Structure formats: structure tokens, C-alpha cells
């Protein structure tokens, strides 16, 4: 599978990104977070946004982050 075969979902909310990609794909979701404790607190509960997308062999890896 190549990245060109699936839609680019960087910048989308995770739920919408999964809808755009569709079923039938093995998707791995990783998340990244700020190292600052005060920033972690203010972003807790926010919707994850896709910040990285990579296709390898038979899986799609999405990395998400929380923003203010």
C-alpha cells in the first residue's frame, strides 16, 4: 500500500480522518504530547488532530496531538 492510495488526512480531527480513510485498512494510532505539565492540563479533553500520516506495507500509521 502506498500513501497515494489513501486520502491525506493531516490536519483533520481523528474521527473525520478515520471516516475519510474508510474501512478495510489496518490503522495504528499513536499520540504525541507537549512535555509541559501546564500545557497538558489545558489541552486535556480536546479532540485529537492528525499531525502525521505514514503508510507502510499493509498498515497506516497516524500520529495525533492535542491542541488548545
PDB file of N, CA and C in Angstrom:
ATOM      1  N   UNK A   1       0.845  -1.177   0.000  1.00  0.00           N
ATOM      2  CA  UNK A   1       0.000   0.000   0.000  1.00  0.00           C
ATOM      3  C   UNK A   1       0.890   1.239   0.000  1.00  0.00           C
ATOM      4  N   UNK A   2       0.505   2.196  -0.783  1.00  0.00           N
ATOM      5  CA  UNK A   2       1.241   3.455  -0.840  1.00  0.00           C
ATOM      6  C   UNK A   2       0.348   4.566  -0.310  1.00  0.00           C
ATOM      7  N   UNK A   3       0.969   5.573   0.222  1.00  0.00           N
ATOM      8  CA  UNK A   3       0.232   6.702   0.777  1.00  0.00           C
ATOM      9  C   UNK A   3      -0.676   7.342  -0.272  1.00  0.00           C
ATOM     10  N   UNK A   4      -0.285   7.260  -1.543  1.00  0.00           N
ATOM     11  CA  UNK A   4      -1.085   7.852  -2.614  1.00  0.00           C
ATOM     12  C   UNK A   4      -2.436   7.157  -2.779  1.00  0.00           C
ATOM     13  N   UNK A   5      -2.577   5.944  -2.263  1.00  0.00           N
ATOM     14  CA  UNK A   5      -3.814   5.185  -2.410  1.00  0.00           C
ATOM     15  C   UNK A   5      -4.881   5.577  -1.390  1.00  0.00           C
ATOM     16  N   UNK A   6      -4.510   6.342  -0.378  1.00  0.00           N
ATOM     17  CA  UNK A   6      -5.467   6.762   0.643  1.00  0.00           C
ATOM     18  C   UNK A   6      -5.467   8.283   0.731  1.00  0.00           C
ATOM     19  N   UNK A   7      -6.574   8.881   1.183  1.00  0.00           N
ATOM     20  CA  UNK A   7      -6.610  10.344   1.258  1.00  0.00           C
ATOM     21  C   UNK A   7      -5.658  10.887   2.326  1.00  0.00           C
ATOM     22  N   UNK A   8      -5.139  12.066   2.070  1.00  0.00           N
ATOM     23  CA  UNK A   8      -4.288  12.750   3.040  1.00  0.00           C
ATOM     24  C   UNK A   8      -5.191  13.326   4.129  1.00  0.00           C
ATOM     25  N   UNK A   9      -4.942  12.940   5.378  1.00  0.00           N
ATOM     26  CA  UNK A   9      -5.832  13.344   6.471  1.00  0.00           C
ATOM     27  C   UNK A   9      -5.134  14.196   7.523  1.00  0.00           C
ATOM     28  N   UNK A  10      -3.932  14.664   7.245  1.00  0.00           N
ATOM     29  CA  UNK A  10      -3.221  15.525   8.188  1.00  0.00           C
ATOM     30  C   UNK A  10      -4.019  16.815   8.377  1.00  0.00           C
ATOM     31  N   UNK A  11      -4.218  17.196   9.634  1.00  0.00           N
ATOM     32  CA  UNK A  11      -4.976  18.402   9.947  1.00  0.00           C
ATOM     33  C   UNK A  11      -6.428  18.130  10.291  1.00  0.00           C
ATOM     34  N   UNK A  12      -6.895  16.920  10.034  1.00  0.00           N
ATOM     35  CA  UNK A  12      -8.270  16.559  10.351  1.00  0.00           C
ATOM     36  C   UNK A  12      -8.386  16.038  11.782  1.00  0.00           C
ATOM     37  N   UNK A  13      -9.579  16.203  12.367  1.00  0.00           N
ATOM     38  CA  UNK A  13      -9.864  15.557  13.640  1.00  0.00           C
ATOM     39  C   UNK A  13      -9.808  14.054  13.406  1.00  0.00           C
ATOM     40  N   UNK A  14      -9.404  13.310  14.420  1.00  0.00           N
ATOM     41  CA  UNK A  14      -9.206  11.872  14.272  1.00  0.00           C
ATOM     42  C   UNK A  14     -10.453  11.165  13.750  1.00  0.00           C
ATOM     43  N   UNK A  15     -11.619  11.488  14.281  1.00  0.00           N
ATOM     44  CA  UNK A  15     -12.851  10.830  13.837  1.00  0.00           C
ATOM     45  C   UNK A  15     -13.087  11.029  12.340  1.00  0.00           C
ATOM     46  N   UNK A  16     -12.911  12.244  11.868  1.00  0.00           N
ATOM     47  CA  UNK A  16     -13.112  12.549  10.448  1.00  0.00           C
ATOM     48  C   UNK A  16     -12.055  11.852   9.600  1.00  0.00           C
ATOM     49  N   UNK A  17     -10.815  11.822  10.079  1.00  0.00           N
ATOM     50  CA  UNK A  17      -9.734  11.158   9.347  1.00  0.00           C
ATOM     51  C   UNK A  17     -10.055   9.681   9.145  1.00  0.00           C
ATOM     52  N   UNK A  18     -10.556   9.034  10.184  1.00  0.00           N
ATOM     53  CA  UNK A  18     -10.904   7.613  10.079  1.00  0.00           C
ATOM     54  C   UNK A  18     -12.052   7.402   9.098  1.00  0.00           C
ATOM     55  N   UNK A  19     -13.007   8.315   9.063  1.00  0.00           N
ATOM     56  CA  UNK A  19     -14.106   8.234   8.094  1.00  0.00           C
ATOM     57  C   UNK A  19     -13.580   8.357   6.671  1.00  0.00           C
ATOM     58  N   UNK A  20     -12.659   9.303   6.447  1.00  0.00           N
ATOM     59  CA  UNK A  20     -12.118   9.523   5.104  1.00  0.00           C
ATOM     60  C   UNK A  20     -11.309   8.327   4.608  1.00  0.00           C
ATOM     61  N   UNK A  21     -10.549   7.712   5.502  1.00  0.00           N
ATOM     62  CA  UNK A  21      -9.742   6.548   5.118  1.00  0.00           C
ATOM     63  C   UNK A  21     -10.646   5.363   4.810  1.00  0.00           C
ATOM     64  N   UNK A  22     -11.684   5.198   5.593  1.00  0.00           N
ATOM     65  CA  UNK A  22     -12.634   4.118   5.357  1.00  0.00           C
ATOM     66  C   UNK A  22     -12.222   2.816   6.009  1.00  0.00           C
ATOM     67  N   UNK A  23     -13.078   1.825   5.844  1.00  0.00           N
ATOM     68  CA  UNK A  23     -12.850   0.515   6.441  1.00  0.00           C
ATOM     69  C   UNK A  23     -11.931  -0.316   5.553  1.00  0.00           C
ATOM     70  N   UNK A  24     -11.445  -1.408   6.113  1.00  0.00           N
ATOM     71  CA  UNK A  24     -10.625  -2.328   5.335  1.00  0.00           C
ATOM     72  C   UNK A  24      -9.138  -2.055   5.415  1.00  0.00           C
ATOM     73  N   UNK A  25      -8.741  -1.130   6.282  1.00  0.00           N
ATOM     74  CA  UNK A  25      -7.326  -0.815   6.454  1.00  0.00           C
ATOM     75  C   UNK A  25      -6.920  -1.095   7.894  1.00  0.00           C
ATOM     76  N   UNK A  26      -5.709  -1.573   8.079  1.00  0.00           N
ATOM     77  CA  UNK A  26      -5.154  -1.718   9.422  1.00  0.00           C
ATOM     78  C   UNK A  26      -4.575  -0.355   9.795  1.00  0.00           C
ATOM     79  N   UNK A  27      -5.124   0.253  10.831  1.00  0.00           N
ATOM     80  CA  UNK A  27      -4.709   1.599  11.226  1.00  0.00           C
ATOM     81  C   UNK A  27      -4.133   1.557  12.635  1.00  0.00           C
ATOM     82  N   UNK A  28      -2.943   2.114  12.775  1.00  0.00           N
ATOM     83  CA  UNK A  28      -2.294   2.242  14.076  1.00  0.00           C
ATOM     84  C   UNK A  28      -2.313   3.720  14.440  1.00  0.00           C
ATOM     85  N   UNK A  29      -2.782   4.024  15.641  1.00  0.00           N
ATOM     86  CA  UNK A  29      -2.869   5.418  16.084  1.00  0.00           C
ATOM     87  C   UNK A  29      -1.903   5.626  17.238  1.00  0.00           C
ATOM     88  N   UNK A  30      -1.023   6.593  17.057  1.00  0.00           N
ATOM     89  CA  UNK A  30      -0.061   6.977  18.089  1.00  0.00           C
ATOM     90  C   UNK A  30      -0.383   8.422  18.460  1.00  0.00           C
ATOM     91  N   UNK A  31      -0.026   8.824  19.649  1.00  0.00           N
ATOM     92  CA  UNK A  31      -0.266  10.217  20.022  1.00  0.00           C
ATOM     93  C   UNK A  31       0.996  10.822  20.607  1.00  0.00           C
ATOM     94  N   UNK A  32       1.123  12.108  20.411  1.00  0.00           N
ATOM     95  CA  UNK A  32       2.253  12.855  20.935  1.00  0.00           C
ATOM     96  C   UNK A  32       1.697  13.962  21.824  1.00  0.00           C
ATOM     97  N   UNK A  33       2.501  14.403  22.779  1.00  0.00           N
ATOM     98  CA  UNK A  33       2.010  15.392  23.735  1.00  0.00           C
ATOM     99  C   UNK A  33       3.142  16.338  24.132  1.00  0.00           C
ATOM    100  N   UNK A  34       2.780  17.535  24.465  1.00  0.00           N
ATOM    101  CA  UNK A  34       3.744  18.520  24.940  1.00  0.00           C
ATOM    102  C   UNK A  34       4.410  18.028  26.227  1.00  0.00           C
ATOM    103  N   UNK A  35       5.670  18.363  26.438  1.00  0.00           N
ATOM    104  CA  UNK A  35       6.330  17.949  27.675  1.00  0.00           C
ATOM    105  C   UNK A  35       5.979  18.836  28.877  1.00  0.00           C
ATOM    106  N   UNK A  36       5.290  19.947  28.643  1.00  0.00           N
ATOM    107  CA  UNK A  36       4.995  20.896  29.714  1.00  0.00           C
ATOM    108  C   UNK A  36       3.693  20.536  30.425  1.00  0.00           C
ATOM    109  N   UNK A  37       3.768  20.343  31.737  1.00  0.00           N
ATOM    110  CA  UNK A  37       2.614  19.898  32.517  1.00  0.00           C
ATOM    111  C   UNK A  37       1.430  20.865  32.436  1.00  0.00           C
ATOM    112  N   UNK A  38       1.690  22.187  32.480  1.00  0.00           N
ATOM    113  CA  UNK A  38       0.579  23.138  32.423  1.00  0.00           C
ATOM    114  C   UNK A  38      -0.130  23.082  31.072  1.00  0.00           C
ATOM    115  N   UNK A  39       0.613  22.841  30.008  1.00  0.00           N
ATOM    116  CA  UNK A  39       0.018  22.731  28.673  1.00  0.00           C
ATOM    117  C   UNK A  39      -0.782  21.435  28.544  1.00  0.00           C
ATOM    118  N   UNK A  40      -0.293  20.356  29.175  1.00  0.00           N
ATOM    119  CA  UNK A  40      -1.022  19.081  29.148  1.00  0.00           C
ATOM    120  C   UNK A  40      -2.400  19.252  29.768  1.00  0.00           C
ATOM    121  N   UNK A  41      -2.450  19.962  30.892  1.00  0.00           N
ATOM    122  CA  UNK A  41      -3.723  20.166  31.588  1.00  0.00           C
ATOM    123  C   UNK A  41      -4.708  20.965  30.743  1.00  0.00           C
ATOM    124  N   UNK A  42      -4.237  22.049  30.123  1.00  0.00           N
ATOM    125  CA  UNK A  42      -5.163  22.894  29.358  1.00  0.00           C
ATOM    126  C   UNK A  42      -5.650  22.205  28.087  1.00  0.00           C
ATOM    127  N   UNK A  43      -4.922  21.208  27.603  1.00  0.00           N
ATOM    128  CA  UNK A  43      -5.310  20.515  26.368  1.00  0.00           C
ATOM    129  C   UNK A  43      -6.055  19.212  26.626  1.00  0.00           C
ATOM    130  N   UNK A  44      -6.072  18.772  27.861  1.00  0.00           N
ATOM    131  CA  UNK A  44      -6.754  17.518  28.206  1.00  0.00           C
ATOM    132  C   UNK A  44      -8.234  17.628  27.851  1.00  0.00           C
ATOM    133  N   UNK A  45      -8.758  16.614  27.183  1.00  0.00           N
ATOM    134  CA  UNK A  45     -10.161  16.611  26.796  1.00  0.00           C
ATOM    135  C   UNK A  45     -10.415  17.182  25.411  1.00  0.00           C
ATOM    136  N   UNK A  46      -9.411  17.809  24.807  1.00  0.00           N
ATOM    137  CA  UNK A  46      -9.579  18.336  23.456  1.00  0.00           C
ATOM    138  C   UNK A  46      -9.575  17.195  22.440  1.00  0.00           C
ATOM    139  N   UNK A  47     -10.082  17.462  21.262  1.00  0.00           N
ATOM    140  CA  UNK A  47     -10.160  16.461  20.200  1.00  0.00           C
ATOM    141  C   UNK A  47      -8.792  16.258  19.562  1.00  0.00           C
ATOM    142  N   UNK A  48      -8.356  15.003  19.402  1.00  0.00           N
ATOM    143  CA  UNK A  48      -7.065  14.753  18.752  1.00  0.00           C
ATOM    144  C   UNK A  48      -7.099  15.128  17.267  1.00  0.00           C
ATOM    145  N   UNK A  49      -6.013  15.747  16.810  1.00  0.00           N
ATOM    146  CA  UNK A  49      -5.843  16.148  15.416  1.00  0.00           C
ATOM    147  C   UNK A  49      -4.692  15.330  14.831  1.00  0.00           C
ATOM    148  N   UNK A  50      -4.867  14.855  13.593  1.00  0.00           N
ATOM    149  CA  UNK A  50      -3.814  14.081  12.934  1.00  0.00           C
ATOM    150  C   UNK A  50      -2.691  15.027  12.509  1.00  0.00           C
ATOM    151  N   UNK A  51      -1.459  14.739  12.956  1.00  0.00           N
ATOM    152  CA  UNK A  51      -0.311  15.580  12.625  1.00  0.00           C
ATOM    153  C   UNK A  51       0.716  14.847  11.759  1.00  0.00           C
ATOM    154  N   UNK A  52       0.566  13.525  11.623  1.00  0.00           N
ATOM    155  CA  UNK A  52       1.495  12.750  10.795  1.00  0.00           C
ATOM    156  C   UNK A  52       0.751  11.543  10.248  1.00  0.00           C
ATOM    157  N   UNK A  53       1.063  11.198   9.007  1.00  0.00           N
ATOM    158  CA  UNK A  53       0.422  10.058   8.358  1.00  0.00           C
ATOM    159  C   UNK A  53       1.481   9.318   7.563  1.00  0.00           C
ATOM    160  N   UNK A  54       1.540   8.004   7.740  1.00  0.00           N
ATOM    161  CA  UNK A  54       2.536   7.207   7.035  1.00  0.00           C
ATOM    162  C   UNK A  54       1.933   5.852   6.697  1.00  0.00           C
ATOM    163  N   UNK A  55       2.156   5.386   5.478  1.00  0.00           N
ATOM    164  CA  UNK A  55       1.689   4.063   5.068  1.00  0.00           C
ATOM    165  C   UNK A  55       2.897   3.163   4.892  1.00  0.00           C
ATOM    166  N   UNK A  56       2.848   2.008   5.545  1.00  0.00           N
ATOM    167  CA  UNK A  56       3.918   1.021   5.430  1.00  0.00           C
ATOM    168  C   UNK A  56       3.294  -0.339   5.200  1.00  0.00           C
ATOM    169  N   UNK A  57       3.693  -1.002   4.140  1.00  0.00           N
ATOM    170  CA  UNK A  57       3.204  -2.336   3.802  1.00  0.00           C
ATOM    171  C   UNK A  57       1.686  -2.385   3.881  1.00  0.00           C
ATOM    172  N   UNK A  58       1.134  -3.056   4.891  1.00  0.00           N
ATOM    173  CA  UNK A  58      -0.318  -3.234   4.960  1.00  0.00           C
ATOM    174  C   UNK A  58      -0.975  -2.411   6.060  1.00  0.00           C
ATOM    175  N   UNK A  59      -0.289  -1.384   6.570  1.00  0.00           N
ATOM    176  CA  UNK A  59      -0.869  -0.598   7.654  1.00  0.00           C
ATOM    177  C   UNK A  59      -0.672   0.895   7.442  1.00  0.00           C
ATOM    178  N   UNK A  60      -1.561   1.654   8.061  1.00  0.00           N
ATOM    179  CA  UNK A  60      -1.494   3.112   8.026  1.00  0.00           C
ATOM    180  C   UNK A  60      -1.226   3.571   9.451  1.00  0.00           C
ATOM    181  N   UNK A  61      -0.197   4.386   9.630  1.00  0.00           N
ATOM    182  CA  UNK A  61       0.130   4.916  10.954  1.00  0.00           C
ATOM    183  C   UNK A  61      -0.267   6.390  11.002  1.00  0.00           C
ATOM    184  N   UNK A  62      -1.093   6.720  11.975  1.00  0.00           N
ATOM    185  CA  UNK A  62      -1.499   8.105  12.198  1.00  0.00           C
ATOM    186  C   UNK A  62      -0.971   8.545  13.553  1.00  0.00           C
ATOM    187  N   UNK A  63      -0.369   9.721  13.595  1.00  0.00           N
ATOM    188  CA  UNK A  63       0.062  10.304  14.860  1.00  0.00           C
ATOM    189  C   UNK A  63      -0.839  11.499  15.130  1.00  0.00           C
ATOM    190  N   UNK A  64      -1.362  11.563  16.344  1.00  0.00           N
ATOM    191  CA  UNK A  64      -2.253  12.658  16.710  1.00  0.00           C
ATOM    192  C   UNK A  64      -1.643  13.495  17.831  1.00  0.00           C
ATOM    193  N   UNK A  65      -2.154  14.701  17.962  1.00  0.00           N
ATOM    194  CA  UNK A  65      -1.752  15.580  19.045  1.00  0.00           C
ATOM    195  C   UNK A  65      -2.969  16.383  19.483  1.00  0.00           C
ATOM    196  N   UNK A  66      -2.918  16.877  20.701  1.00  0.00           N
ATOM    197  CA  UNK A  66      -3.989  17.722  21.227  1.00  0.00           C
ATOM    198  C   UNK A  66      -3.548  19.177  21.161  1.00  0.00           C
ATOM    199  N   UNK A  67      -4.430  20.040  20.700  1.00  0.00           N
ATOM    200  CA  UNK A  67      -4.125  21.463  20.602  1.00  0.00           C
ATOM    201  C   UNK A  67      -5.111  22.251  21.438  1.00  0.00           C
ATOM    202  N   UNK A  68      -4.724  23.454  21.797  1.00  0.00           N
ATOM    203  CA  UNK A  68      -5.578  24.348  22.580  1.00  0.00           C
ATOM    204  C   UNK A  68      -6.707  24.852  21.721  1.00  0.00           C
TER     205      UNK A  68
END
